[in-house]
Amino acid sequence: MLGGRPERTDVALTVFNLAREAGISRATANRAVGLLAEFRAAEARHRRSSPRALKERVRALDAELRVVRGAEIAKLRGLARTLSQHIQVLTLQVVERDTVIEVGSSNWPDLLVTPGLSP
């Protein structure tokens, strides 16, 4: 029955169908507690691996992945903004440094003149 080839019933995994396949009454099947526990565990495994259950699991995982990707993308965009701001600050510092160097080098001969002495 778990293999999907029942001889006396449809493919539904129920205690009634289990009893019919075994050729016993449903009451007798219900008294076989160990067998019922094993049957229900096998039925649960079968239900989890059914195409419908697997499709639902894939949909749930896709939704979870979209959430994780969205969070990652938001984090990366924030990091890109921060790095962009750092680049702007560094660029301004380089321009300022170059300006100081340029102004300083054009005044370099003036710096050699000692105050009070003529050249």
C-alpha atoms as a PDB file:
ATOM      1  CA  MET A   1       0.000   0.000   0.000  1.00  0.00           C
ATOM      2  CA  LEU A   2       2.813   2.430   0.821  1.00  0.00           C
ATOM      3  CA  GLY A   3       4.415   1.560  -2.490  1.00  0.00           C
ATOM      4  CA  GLY A   4       1.368   2.968  -4.274  1.00  0.00           C
ATOM      5  CA  ARG A   5       0.035  -0.363  -5.578  1.00  0.00           C
ATOM      6  CA  PRO A   6      -2.995  -1.295  -3.470  1.00  0.00           C
ATOM      7  CA  GLU A   7      -4.955  -4.368  -4.591  1.00  0.00           C
ATOM      8  CA  ARG A   8      -8.336  -3.789  -2.913  1.00  0.00           C
ATOM      9  CA  THR A   9      -8.596  -0.050  -2.296  1.00  0.00           C
ATOM     10  CA  ASP A  10      -7.750   3.328  -3.757  1.00  0.00           C
ATOM     11  CA  VAL A  11      -4.348   4.879  -3.035  1.00  0.00           C
ATOM     12  CA  ALA A  12      -5.523   6.860   0.028  1.00  0.00           C
ATOM     13  CA  LEU A  13      -3.392   6.000   3.055  1.00  0.00           C
ATOM     14  CA  THR A  14      -6.092   5.508   5.674  1.00  0.00           C
ATOM     15  CA  VAL A  15      -6.569   2.979   8.477  1.00  0.00           C
ATOM     16  CA  PHE A  16      -9.741   1.779   6.745  1.00  0.00           C
ATOM     17  CA  ASN A  17      -7.829   1.074   3.522  1.00  0.00           C
ATOM     18  CA  LEU A  18      -4.996  -0.562   5.496  1.00  0.00           C
ATOM     19  CA  ALA A  19      -7.495  -2.910   7.133  1.00  0.00           C
ATOM     20  CA  ARG A  20      -9.154  -3.741   3.795  1.00  0.00           C
ATOM     21  CA  GLU A  21      -5.769  -4.447   2.173  1.00  0.00           C
ATOM     22  CA  ALA A  22      -4.837  -6.693   5.101  1.00  0.00           C
ATOM     23  CA  GLY A  23      -8.216  -8.461   4.977  1.00  0.00           C
ATOM     24  CA  ILE A  24      -9.099  -7.586   8.587  1.00  0.00           C
ATOM     25  CA  SER A  25     -11.728  -5.419  10.200  1.00  0.00           C
ATOM     26  CA  ARG A  26     -11.054  -1.813  11.020  1.00  0.00           C
ATOM     27  CA  ALA A  27     -11.527  -2.596  14.731  1.00  0.00           C
ATOM     28  CA  THR A  28      -8.823  -5.249  14.552  1.00  0.00           C
ATOM     29  CA  ALA A  29      -6.503  -2.818  12.753  1.00  0.00           C
ATOM     30  CA  ASN A  30      -7.120  -0.191  15.440  1.00  0.00           C
ATOM     31  CA  ARG A  31      -6.067  -2.668  18.165  1.00  0.00           C
ATOM     32  CA  ALA A  32      -2.652  -3.150  16.521  1.00  0.00           C
ATOM     33  CA  VAL A  33      -1.184  -0.074  18.205  1.00  0.00           C
ATOM     34  CA  GLY A  34       2.426  -0.663  17.144  1.00  0.00           C
ATOM     35  CA  LEU A  35       1.444  -1.334  13.556  1.00  0.00           C
ATOM     36  CA  LEU A  36      -0.768   1.775  13.488  1.00  0.00           C
ATOM     37  CA  ALA A  37       2.055   3.937  14.835  1.00  0.00           C
ATOM     38  CA  GLU A  38       4.368   2.595  12.151  1.00  0.00           C
ATOM     39  CA  PHE A  39       1.683   3.103   9.476  1.00  0.00           C
ATOM     40  CA  ARG A  40       0.993   6.680  10.590  1.00  0.00           C
ATOM     41  CA  ALA A  41       4.714   7.501  10.618  1.00  0.00           C
ATOM     42  CA  ALA A  42       5.076   6.081   7.100  1.00  0.00           C
ATOM     43  CA  GLU A  43       1.967   7.986   5.991  1.00  0.00           C
ATOM     44  CA  ALA A  44       3.413  11.233   7.406  1.00  0.00           C
ATOM     45  CA  ARG A  45       6.713  10.641   5.561  1.00  0.00           C
ATOM     46  CA  HIS A  46       4.758   9.937   2.384  1.00  0.00           C
ATOM     47  CA  ARG A  47       2.675  13.108   2.848  1.00  0.00           C
ATOM     48  CA  ARG A  48       5.832  15.225   3.317  1.00  0.00           C
ATOM     49  CA  SER A  49       7.371  13.810   0.159  1.00  0.00           C
ATOM     50  CA  SER A  50       4.267  14.092  -2.012  1.00  0.00           C
ATOM     51  CA  PRO A  51       4.548  16.375  -5.057  1.00  0.00           C
ATOM     52  CA  ARG A  52       2.037  18.802  -3.554  1.00  0.00           C
ATOM     53  CA  ALA A  53       3.920  19.015  -0.247  1.00  0.00           C
ATOM     54  CA  LEU A  54       7.213  19.436  -2.074  1.00  0.00           C
ATOM     55  CA  LYS A  55       5.769  22.238  -4.228  1.00  0.00           C
ATOM     56  CA  GLU A  56       4.516  23.987  -1.093  1.00  0.00           C
ATOM     57  CA  ARG A  57       7.954  23.596   0.494  1.00  0.00           C
ATOM     58  CA  VAL A  58       9.596  25.051  -2.629  1.00  0.00           C
ATOM     59  CA  ARG A  59       7.191  28.026  -2.512  1.00  0.00           C
ATOM     60  CA  ALA A  60       7.962  28.599   1.165  1.00  0.00           C
ATOM     61  CA  LEU A  61      11.706  28.402   0.538  1.00  0.00           C
ATOM     62  CA  ASP A  62      11.404  30.801  -2.412  1.00  0.00           C
ATOM     63  CA  ALA A  63       9.583  33.302  -0.208  1.00  0.00           C
ATOM     64  CA  GLU A  64      12.226  32.922   2.512  1.00  0.00           C
ATOM     65  CA  LEU A  65      14.979  33.393  -0.058  1.00  0.00           C
ATOM     66  CA  ARG A  66      13.329  36.586  -1.368  1.00  0.00           C
ATOM     67  CA  VAL A  67      13.270  37.980   2.175  1.00  0.00           C
ATOM     68  CA  VAL A  68      16.923  37.096   2.789  1.00  0.00           C
ATOM     69  CA  ARG A  69      17.995  38.486  -0.581  1.00  0.00           C
ATOM     70  CA  GLY A  70      16.028  41.673   0.056  1.00  0.00           C
ATOM     71  CA  ALA A  71      17.773  42.160   3.385  1.00  0.00           C
ATOM     72  CA  GLU A  72      21.164  41.463   1.804  1.00  0.00           C
ATOM     73  CA  ILE A  73      20.516  43.920  -1.011  1.00  0.00           C
ATOM     74  CA  ALA A  74      19.419  46.611   1.443  1.00  0.00           C
ATOM     75  CA  LYS A  75      22.566  46.038   3.501  1.00  0.00           C
ATOM     76  CA  LEU A  76      24.793  46.214   0.412  1.00  0.00           C
ATOM     77  CA  ARG A  77      23.094  49.408  -0.789  1.00  0.00           C
ATOM     78  CA  GLY A  78      23.747  51.016   2.594  1.00  0.00           C
ATOM     79  CA  LEU A  79      27.371  49.922   2.442  1.00  0.00           C
ATOM     80  CA  ALA A  80      27.695  51.345  -1.086  1.00  0.00           C
ATOM     81  CA  ARG A  81      26.300  54.703   0.126  1.00  0.00           C
ATOM     82  CA  THR A  82      28.744  54.762   3.024  1.00  0.00           C
ATOM     83  CA  LEU A  83      31.694  53.929   0.765  1.00  0.00           C
ATOM     84  CA  SER A  84      30.588  56.588  -1.717  1.00  0.00           C
ATOM     85  CA  GLN A  85      30.568  59.183   1.056  1.00  0.00           C
ATOM     86  CA  HIS A  86      34.061  58.102   2.155  1.00  0.00           C
ATOM     87  CA  ILE A  87      35.290  58.452  -1.424  1.00  0.00           C
ATOM     88  CA  GLN A  88      33.852  61.989  -1.596  1.00  0.00           C
ATOM     89  CA  VAL A  89      35.575  62.971   1.657  1.00  0.00           C
ATOM     90  CA  LEU A  90      38.899  61.525   0.514  1.00  0.00           C
ATOM     91  CA  THR A  91      38.607  63.274  -2.851  1.00  0.00           C
ATOM     92  CA  LEU A  92      38.026  66.618  -1.125  1.00  0.00           C
ATOM     93  CA  GLN A  93      40.992  65.986   1.167  1.00  0.00           C
ATOM     94  CA  VAL A  94      43.245  65.242  -1.818  1.00  0.00           C
ATOM     95  CA  VAL A  95      42.103  68.447  -3.568  1.00  0.00           C
ATOM     96  CA  GLU A  96      42.739  70.421  -0.390  1.00  0.00           C
ATOM     97  CA  ARG A  97      46.195  68.849   0.029  1.00  0.00           C
ATOM     98  CA  ASP A  98      47.096  69.578  -3.600  1.00  0.00           C
ATOM     99  CA  THR A  99      45.968  73.180  -3.179  1.00  0.00           C
ATOM    100  CA  VAL A 100      48.099  73.609  -0.061  1.00  0.00           C
ATOM    101  CA  ILE A 101      51.102  72.111  -1.851  1.00  0.00           C
ATOM    102  CA  GLU A 102      50.552  74.306  -4.910  1.00  0.00           C
ATOM    103  CA  VAL A 103      50.174  77.501  -2.881  1.00  0.00           C
ATOM    104  CA  GLY A 104      53.127  76.573  -0.720  1.00  0.00           C
ATOM    105  CA  SER A 105      55.433  75.835  -3.662  1.00  0.00           C
ATOM    106  CA  SER A 106      54.546  79.103  -5.421  1.00  0.00           C
ATOM    107  CA  ASN A 107      55.480  80.999  -2.240  1.00  0.00           C
ATOM    108  CA  TRP A 108      58.634  78.981  -1.688  1.00  0.00           C
ATOM    109  CA  PRO A 109      61.118  81.748  -2.750  1.00  0.00           C
ATOM    110  CA  ASP A 110      59.347  84.182  -0.399  1.00  0.00           C
ATOM    111  CA  LEU A 111      59.940  81.796   2.445  1.00  0.00           C
ATOM    112  CA  LEU A 112      63.701  81.944   1.868  1.00  0.00           C
ATOM    113  CA  VAL A 113      63.755  85.700   2.402  1.00  0.00           C
ATOM    114  CA  THR A 114      64.583  86.506   5.983  1.00  0.00           C
ATOM    115  CA  PRO A 115      62.485  89.364   7.334  1.00  0.00           C
ATOM    116  CA  GLY A 116      64.404  92.569   7.690  1.00  0.00           C
ATOM    117  CA  LEU A 117      67.067  91.552   5.161  1.00  0.00           C
ATOM    118  CA  SER A 118      66.856  92.516   1.546  1.00  0.00           C
ATOM    119  CA  PRO A 119      67.597  89.901  -1.074  1.00  0.00           C
END
